[in-house]
Amino acid sequence: MSDFFLSLPPVIFEAIGIAGFAFYVLNYGLLTFKHVTSESKCYFVLNRIAASCVLIGLTHSFNPASALIQMFWIVISCVAIIIRLRPEKRRLRSKGSRQSGARFQHAGRWGDGCQGTDHRDRGHGKRTPRRAMDHTLHAPR
């Protein structure tokens, strides 16, 4: 099978490499104009296709630095795709627990003082009595 690929004319490899370049540019354009996000699977699939095409194009006129860059993009894209293919439940559960913790933390006013004292100046050691109108101006939470 490798004899078949070696017998192909060089222009085919160059065309595949140029197609990889086109995929890179397309992907960057889609990202720039917000048709895909950097979190979407499509973004990483297009990156992987582009890197694979450029790597195939390099088989005719090999450049070690370019080949290493393309191999890096292939590996990192595969890892990103695998992460995004994991069940959503696991990612949402961990994200949701952080949000619910934040909601719990900000649900009410926390303090250790007596009723009628203002603790907004915490850290300075002072307790300032609230003004009488302070209760009428602010609706209870």
N, C-alpha and C. Protein backbone atom coordinates (compact mmCIF):
# COMPACT_ATOMS: atom_id res chain seq x y z
N MET A 1 0.83 -1.19 0.00
CA MET A 1 0.00 0.00 0.00
C MET A 1 0.87 1.26 0.00
N SER A 2 2.01 1.22 0.71
CA SER A 2 2.89 2.39 0.71
C SER A 2 3.48 2.63 -0.67
N ASP A 3 3.62 1.57 -1.49
CA ASP A 3 4.10 1.75 -2.86
C ASP A 3 3.11 2.58 -3.66
N PHE A 4 1.83 2.38 -3.40
CA PHE A 4 0.80 3.15 -4.10
C PHE A 4 0.96 4.64 -3.80
N PHE A 5 1.13 4.97 -2.52
CA PHE A 5 1.26 6.38 -2.14
C PHE A 5 2.55 6.99 -2.68
N LEU A 6 3.61 6.21 -2.70
CA LEU A 6 4.87 6.73 -3.23
C LEU A 6 4.83 6.93 -4.73
N SER A 7 3.95 6.20 -5.41
CA SER A 7 3.87 6.33 -6.87
C SER A 7 2.99 7.51 -7.30
N LEU A 8 2.27 8.12 -6.36
CA LEU A 8 1.43 9.26 -6.70
C LEU A 8 2.29 10.45 -7.09
N PRO A 9 1.82 11.27 -8.02
CA PRO A 9 2.59 12.44 -8.41
C PRO A 9 2.68 13.45 -7.26
N PRO A 10 3.78 14.17 -7.18
CA PRO A 10 3.97 15.14 -6.08
C PRO A 10 2.90 16.21 -6.01
N VAL A 11 2.30 16.53 -7.13
CA VAL A 11 1.28 17.58 -7.13
C VAL A 11 0.09 17.18 -6.26
N ILE A 12 -0.19 15.90 -6.12
CA ILE A 12 -1.30 15.44 -5.26
C ILE A 12 -0.98 15.76 -3.81
N PHE A 13 0.25 15.50 -3.37
CA PHE A 13 0.65 15.79 -2.00
C PHE A 13 0.61 17.29 -1.73
N GLU A 14 1.04 18.07 -2.71
CA GLU A 14 1.01 19.52 -2.57
C GLU A 14 -0.43 20.01 -2.46
N ALA A 15 -1.33 19.43 -3.25
CA ALA A 15 -2.74 19.83 -3.22
C ALA A 15 -3.36 19.49 -1.86
N ILE A 16 -3.02 18.33 -1.32
CA ILE A 16 -3.55 17.95 0.00
C ILE A 16 -3.01 18.91 1.07
N GLY A 17 -1.73 19.28 0.97
CA GLY A 17 -1.15 20.25 1.91
C GLY A 17 -1.82 21.60 1.82
N ILE A 18 -2.11 22.05 0.61
CA ILE A 18 -2.79 23.34 0.42
C ILE A 18 -4.23 23.25 0.94
N ALA A 19 -4.86 22.09 0.78
CA ALA A 19 -6.21 21.91 1.35
C ALA A 19 -6.15 22.04 2.87
N GLY A 20 -5.08 21.50 3.48
CA GLY A 20 -4.90 21.65 4.93
C GLY A 20 -4.78 23.11 5.33
N PHE A 21 -4.02 23.87 4.54
CA PHE A 21 -3.91 25.31 4.78
C PHE A 21 -5.30 25.96 4.71
N ALA A 22 -6.09 25.56 3.71
CA ALA A 22 -7.44 26.13 3.55
C ALA A 22 -8.32 25.78 4.76
N PHE A 23 -8.17 24.57 5.29
CA PHE A 23 -8.93 24.20 6.49
C PHE A 23 -8.52 25.05 7.70
N TYR A 24 -7.22 25.31 7.84
CA TYR A 24 -6.76 26.18 8.93
C TYR A 24 -7.39 27.57 8.80
N VAL A 25 -7.34 28.13 7.61
CA VAL A 25 -7.87 29.48 7.39
C VAL A 25 -9.39 29.49 7.60
N LEU A 26 -10.06 28.47 7.09
CA LEU A 26 -11.51 28.37 7.29
C LEU A 26 -11.85 28.31 8.77
N ASN A 27 -11.14 27.49 9.50
CA ASN A 27 -11.40 27.33 10.93
C ASN A 27 -11.16 28.63 11.69
N TYR A 28 -10.08 29.31 11.36
CA TYR A 28 -9.78 30.58 12.03
C TYR A 28 -10.84 31.63 11.67
N GLY A 29 -11.29 31.64 10.42
CA GLY A 29 -12.35 32.57 10.03
C GLY A 29 -13.65 32.28 10.76
N LEU A 30 -14.01 31.00 10.86
CA LEU A 30 -15.22 30.64 11.59
C LEU A 30 -15.14 31.04 13.05
N LEU A 31 -13.96 30.89 13.62
CA LEU A 31 -13.77 31.28 15.02
C LEU A 31 -13.84 32.80 15.17
N THR A 32 -13.21 33.51 14.26
CA THR A 32 -13.19 34.98 14.32
C THR A 32 -14.59 35.57 14.21
N PHE A 33 -15.39 35.02 13.30
CA PHE A 33 -16.73 35.55 13.09
C PHE A 33 -17.79 34.83 13.92
N LYS A 34 -17.34 34.09 14.93
CA LYS A 34 -18.18 33.46 15.95
C LYS A 34 -19.20 32.48 15.39
N HIS A 35 -18.80 31.75 14.33
CA HIS A 35 -19.65 30.67 13.83
C HIS A 35 -19.34 29.37 14.57
N VAL A 36 -18.14 29.27 15.14
CA VAL A 36 -17.77 28.19 16.04
C VAL A 36 -17.11 28.82 17.26
N THR A 37 -17.09 28.08 18.34
CA THR A 37 -16.39 28.56 19.53
C THR A 37 -15.16 27.68 19.75
N SER A 38 -14.26 28.17 20.55
CA SER A 38 -13.06 27.39 20.85
C SER A 38 -13.37 26.21 21.76
N GLU A 39 -14.60 26.11 22.23
CA GLU A 39 -15.03 24.98 23.06
C GLU A 39 -15.74 23.91 22.24
N SER A 40 -16.09 24.21 20.99
CA SER A 40 -16.88 23.26 20.21
C SER A 40 -16.02 22.15 19.62
N LYS A 41 -16.66 20.99 19.43
CA LYS A 41 -15.97 19.85 18.83
C LYS A 41 -15.59 20.15 17.39
N CYS A 42 -16.42 20.89 16.70
CA CYS A 42 -16.18 21.22 15.29
C CYS A 42 -14.85 21.95 15.12
N TYR A 43 -14.55 22.84 16.03
CA TYR A 43 -13.29 23.60 15.97
C TYR A 43 -12.09 22.64 16.00
N PHE A 44 -12.13 21.68 16.89
CA PHE A 44 -11.00 20.76 17.02
C PHE A 44 -10.96 19.73 15.90
N VAL A 45 -12.12 19.34 15.40
CA VAL A 45 -12.15 18.42 14.26
C VAL A 45 -11.53 19.09 13.03
N LEU A 46 -11.89 20.34 12.79
CA LEU A 46 -11.31 21.06 11.65
C LEU A 46 -9.80 21.25 11.84
N ASN A 47 -9.36 21.52 13.06
CA ASN A 47 -7.92 21.64 13.31
C ASN A 47 -7.21 20.32 13.02
N ARG A 48 -7.82 19.22 13.42
CA ARG A 48 -7.21 17.91 13.19
C ARG A 48 -7.14 17.59 11.71
N ILE A 49 -8.20 17.88 10.99
CA ILE A 49 -8.22 17.64 9.54
C ILE A 49 -7.14 18.49 8.86
N ALA A 50 -7.07 19.76 9.24
CA ALA A 50 -6.08 20.66 8.65
C ALA A 50 -4.66 20.16 8.91
N ALA A 51 -4.37 19.79 10.16
CA ALA A 51 -3.03 19.33 10.50
C ALA A 51 -2.70 18.03 9.77
N SER A 52 -3.67 17.14 9.65
CA SER A 52 -3.44 15.88 8.94
C SER A 52 -3.15 16.12 7.47
N CYS A 53 -3.89 17.02 6.85
CA CYS A 53 -3.66 17.33 5.43
C CYS A 53 -2.28 17.95 5.22
N VAL A 54 -1.91 18.89 6.08
CA VAL A 54 -0.59 19.51 5.95
C VAL A 54 0.50 18.47 6.17
N LEU A 55 0.31 17.56 7.12
CA LEU A 55 1.30 16.51 7.37
C LEU A 55 1.43 15.58 6.17
N ILE A 56 0.32 15.26 5.54
CA ILE A 56 0.37 14.44 4.32
C ILE A 56 1.12 15.20 3.22
N GLY A 57 0.85 16.49 3.11
CA GLY A 57 1.57 17.31 2.12
C GLY A 57 3.06 17.37 2.39
N LEU A 58 3.45 17.24 3.64
CA LEU A 58 4.88 17.28 3.99
C LEU A 58 5.61 15.98 3.65
N THR A 59 4.87 14.93 3.37
CA THR A 59 5.55 13.67 3.06
C THR A 59 6.35 13.76 1.77
N HIS A 60 5.94 14.63 0.86
CA HIS A 60 6.69 14.78 -0.40
C HIS A 60 7.92 15.66 -0.21
N SER A 61 7.73 16.80 0.41
CA SER A 61 8.88 17.68 0.69
C SER A 61 8.94 17.87 2.20
N PHE A 62 9.66 17.00 2.87
CA PHE A 62 9.67 16.91 4.32
C PHE A 62 10.38 18.09 4.96
N ASN A 63 9.79 18.59 6.03
CA ASN A 63 10.36 19.65 6.85
C ASN A 63 10.12 19.22 8.30
N PRO A 64 11.18 18.87 9.04
CA PRO A 64 10.97 18.34 10.40
C PRO A 64 10.22 19.28 11.34
N ALA A 65 10.51 20.57 11.29
CA ALA A 65 9.84 21.51 12.20
C ALA A 65 8.35 21.58 11.89
N SER A 66 8.00 21.65 10.63
CA SER A 66 6.59 21.69 10.25
C SER A 66 5.89 20.39 10.62
N ALA A 67 6.57 19.28 10.43
CA ALA A 67 5.98 17.98 10.77
C ALA A 67 5.71 17.89 12.27
N LEU A 68 6.64 18.38 13.09
CA LEU A 68 6.44 18.36 14.54
C LEU A 68 5.26 19.23 14.96
N ILE A 69 5.14 20.39 14.33
CA ILE A 69 4.01 21.27 14.65
C ILE A 69 2.69 20.59 14.29
N GLN A 70 2.64 19.97 13.14
CA GLN A 70 1.40 19.31 12.71
C GLN A 70 1.07 18.13 13.61
N MET A 71 2.09 17.38 14.01
CA MET A 71 1.85 16.26 14.94
C MET A 71 1.34 16.76 16.28
N PHE A 72 1.88 17.89 16.73
CA PHE A 72 1.38 18.48 17.98
C PHE A 72 -0.10 18.83 17.84
N TRP A 73 -0.49 19.48 16.73
CA TRP A 73 -1.88 19.87 16.53
C TRP A 73 -2.79 18.66 16.46
N ILE A 74 -2.31 17.58 15.85
CA ILE A 74 -3.12 16.36 15.76
C ILE A 74 -3.35 15.78 17.16
N VAL A 75 -2.29 15.70 17.96
CA VAL A 75 -2.41 15.12 19.30
C VAL A 75 -3.30 15.99 20.19
N ILE A 76 -3.05 17.29 20.20
CA ILE A 76 -3.82 18.17 21.10
C ILE A 76 -5.28 18.23 20.66
N SER A 77 -5.53 18.16 19.36
CA SER A 77 -6.92 18.15 18.89
C SER A 77 -7.63 16.87 19.30
N CYS A 78 -6.93 15.74 19.21
CA CYS A 78 -7.54 14.47 19.64
C CYS A 78 -7.87 14.50 21.12
N VAL A 79 -6.97 15.02 21.92
CA VAL A 79 -7.22 15.12 23.37
C VAL A 79 -8.44 16.02 23.63
N ALA A 80 -8.51 17.15 22.95
CA ALA A 80 -9.64 18.07 23.14
C ALA A 80 -10.95 17.44 22.71
N ILE A 81 -10.93 16.68 21.62
CA ILE A 81 -12.15 16.02 21.15
C ILE A 81 -12.60 14.97 22.17
N ILE A 82 -11.65 14.20 22.69
CA ILE A 82 -11.99 13.18 23.69
C ILE A 82 -12.59 13.82 24.94
N ILE A 83 -12.01 14.91 25.37
CA ILE A 83 -12.55 15.62 26.55
C ILE A 83 -13.98 16.07 26.28
N ARG A 84 -14.25 16.57 25.08
CA ARG A 84 -15.58 17.06 24.77
C ARG A 84 -16.58 15.94 24.48
N LEU A 85 -16.09 14.74 24.22
CA LEU A 85 -16.99 13.61 24.00
C LEU A 85 -17.37 12.90 25.30
N ARG A 86 -16.72 13.26 26.40
CA ARG A 86 -17.08 12.68 27.69
C ARG A 86 -18.54 13.01 27.99
N PRO A 87 -19.16 12.20 28.81
CA PRO A 87 -20.56 12.49 29.15
C PRO A 87 -20.70 13.88 29.76
N GLU A 88 -21.69 14.60 29.29
CA GLU A 88 -21.92 15.97 29.76
C GLU A 88 -22.27 16.01 31.23
N LYS A 89 -22.89 14.94 31.75
CA LYS A 89 -23.35 14.93 33.13
C LYS A 89 -22.19 15.19 34.09
N ARG A 90 -21.05 14.56 33.84
CA ARG A 90 -19.92 14.70 34.75
C ARG A 90 -19.41 16.13 34.77
N ARG A 91 -19.32 16.77 33.58
CA ARG A 91 -18.84 18.14 33.53
C ARG A 91 -19.85 19.10 34.13
N LEU A 92 -21.15 18.88 33.87
CA LEU A 92 -22.16 19.77 34.41
C LEU A 92 -22.27 19.66 35.92
N ARG A 93 -22.12 18.45 36.44
CA ARG A 93 -22.22 18.26 37.88
C ARG A 93 -21.12 19.05 38.59
N SER A 94 -19.91 18.98 38.10
CA SER A 94 -18.83 19.69 38.77
C SER A 94 -19.00 21.19 38.61
N LYS A 95 -19.48 21.63 37.46
CA LYS A 95 -19.70 23.06 37.24
C LYS A 95 -20.86 23.54 38.10
N GLY A 96 -21.93 22.74 38.18
CA GLY A 96 -23.10 23.12 38.95
C GLY A 96 -22.82 23.20 40.43
N SER A 97 -21.95 22.34 40.95
CA SER A 97 -21.67 22.38 42.38
C SER A 97 -20.95 23.66 42.76
N ARG A 98 -20.10 24.15 41.87
CA ARG A 98 -19.44 25.42 42.16
C ARG A 98 -20.43 26.56 42.15
N GLN A 99 -21.38 26.53 41.18
CA GLN A 99 -22.36 27.59 41.11
C GLN A 99 -23.31 27.56 42.29
N SER A 100 -23.74 26.36 42.70
CA SER A 100 -24.66 26.30 43.83
C SER A 100 -23.96 26.75 45.11
N GLY A 101 -22.67 26.46 45.22
CA GLY A 101 -21.92 26.95 46.37
C GLY A 101 -21.85 28.46 46.39
N ALA A 102 -21.68 29.07 45.22
CA ALA A 102 -21.65 30.52 45.16
C ALA A 102 -23.01 31.10 45.49
N ARG A 103 -24.08 30.44 45.01
CA ARG A 103 -25.42 30.93 45.33
C ARG A 103 -25.68 30.84 46.83
N PHE A 104 -25.25 29.75 47.46
CA PHE A 104 -25.44 29.58 48.89
C PHE A 104 -24.67 30.64 49.65
N GLN A 105 -23.47 30.92 49.21
CA GLN A 105 -22.63 31.89 49.90
C GLN A 105 -23.25 33.28 49.85
N HIS A 106 -23.88 33.63 48.73
CA HIS A 106 -24.42 34.97 48.56
C HIS A 106 -25.93 35.03 48.83
N ALA A 107 -26.49 33.99 49.42
CA ALA A 107 -27.93 33.93 49.62
C ALA A 107 -28.40 34.90 50.71
N GLY A 108 -27.62 35.11 51.70
CA GLY A 108 -28.05 35.99 52.78
C GLY A 108 -26.89 36.78 53.32
N ARG A 109 -27.18 37.52 54.36
CA ARG A 109 -26.13 38.30 54.99
C ARG A 109 -25.56 37.48 56.14
N TRP A 110 -24.28 37.43 56.20
CA TRP A 110 -23.60 36.68 57.24
C TRP A 110 -22.97 37.68 58.20
N GLY A 111 -23.09 37.43 59.47
CA GLY A 111 -22.48 38.32 60.44
C GLY A 111 -22.54 37.72 61.82
N ASP A 112 -21.72 38.25 62.69
CA ASP A 112 -21.70 37.75 64.05
C ASP A 112 -22.08 38.83 65.04
N GLY A 113 -22.62 39.91 64.55
CA GLY A 113 -22.91 41.04 65.43
C GLY A 113 -24.36 41.06 65.88
N CYS A 114 -24.67 42.08 66.62
CA CYS A 114 -26.02 42.26 67.13
C CYS A 114 -26.89 42.87 66.04
N GLN A 115 -28.19 42.66 66.21
CA GLN A 115 -29.12 43.24 65.26
C GLN A 115 -29.04 44.75 65.37
N GLY A 116 -29.08 45.42 64.24
CA GLY A 116 -29.02 46.87 64.24
C GLY A 116 -27.61 47.42 64.04
N THR A 117 -26.66 46.57 63.82
CA THR A 117 -25.30 47.06 63.55
C THR A 117 -24.96 46.83 62.09
N ASP A 118 -24.13 47.70 61.57
CA ASP A 118 -23.72 47.62 60.17
C ASP A 118 -22.33 47.01 60.11
N HIS A 119 -22.19 45.93 59.39
CA HIS A 119 -20.91 45.23 59.32
C HIS A 119 -20.18 45.47 58.01
N ARG A 120 -20.58 46.50 57.28
CA ARG A 120 -19.93 46.76 55.99
C ARG A 120 -18.49 47.22 56.16
N ASP A 121 -18.16 47.70 57.29
CA ASP A 121 -16.78 48.15 57.51
C ASP A 121 -15.97 47.08 58.24
N ARG A 122 -16.29 45.83 57.99
CA ARG A 122 -15.59 44.69 58.56
C ARG A 122 -14.09 44.84 58.36
N GLY A 123 -13.33 44.40 59.28
CA GLY A 123 -11.88 44.45 59.14
C GLY A 123 -11.27 45.64 59.84
N HIS A 124 -12.09 46.66 60.12
CA HIS A 124 -11.56 47.83 60.82
C HIS A 124 -11.85 47.78 62.31
N GLY A 125 -12.64 46.80 62.73
CA GLY A 125 -12.92 46.65 64.14
C GLY A 125 -14.01 47.56 64.66
N LYS A 126 -14.66 48.34 63.80
CA LYS A 126 -15.71 49.26 64.25
C LYS A 126 -17.07 48.65 63.96
N ARG A 127 -18.02 49.00 64.77
CA ARG A 127 -19.41 48.65 64.48
C ARG A 127 -20.22 49.93 64.53
N THR A 128 -20.76 50.26 63.40
CA THR A 128 -21.49 51.52 63.28
C THR A 128 -22.99 51.24 63.35
N PRO A 129 -23.72 51.94 64.22
CA PRO A 129 -25.17 51.73 64.27
C PRO A 129 -25.81 52.15 62.94
N ARG A 130 -26.80 51.38 62.53
CA ARG A 130 -27.50 51.72 61.28
C ARG A 130 -28.41 52.91 61.52
N ARG A 131 -28.55 53.68 60.47
CA ARG A 131 -29.48 54.80 60.56
C ARG A 131 -30.91 54.27 60.54
N ALA A 132 -31.81 55.00 61.11
CA ALA A 132 -33.20 54.55 61.19
C ALA A 132 -33.81 54.40 59.80
N MET A 133 -33.42 55.25 58.86
CA MET A 133 -33.99 55.20 57.52
C MET A 133 -33.37 54.08 56.69
N ASP A 134 -32.28 53.53 57.11
CA ASP A 134 -31.60 52.48 56.35
C ASP A 134 -32.52 51.29 56.12
N HIS A 135 -33.37 50.97 57.08
CA HIS A 135 -34.27 49.84 56.96
C HIS A 135 -35.40 50.11 55.98
N THR A 136 -35.81 51.37 55.84
CA THR A 136 -36.93 51.69 54.95
C THR A 136 -36.46 51.86 53.50
N LEU A 137 -35.21 52.22 53.31
CA LEU A 137 -34.72 52.44 51.95
C LEU A 137 -34.43 51.14 51.20
N HIS A 138 -34.04 50.13 51.89
CA HIS A 138 -33.63 48.88 51.25
C HIS A 138 -34.68 47.80 51.49
N ALA A 139 -35.10 47.20 50.41
CA ALA A 139 -36.06 46.11 50.53
C ALA A 139 -35.34 44.87 51.07
N PRO A 140 -36.00 44.08 51.88
CA PRO A 140 -35.35 42.85 52.39
C PRO A 140 -35.06 41.89 51.26
N ARG A 141 -34.01 41.13 51.44
CA ARG A 141 -33.63 40.16 50.39
C ARG A 141 -34.40 38.90 50.52
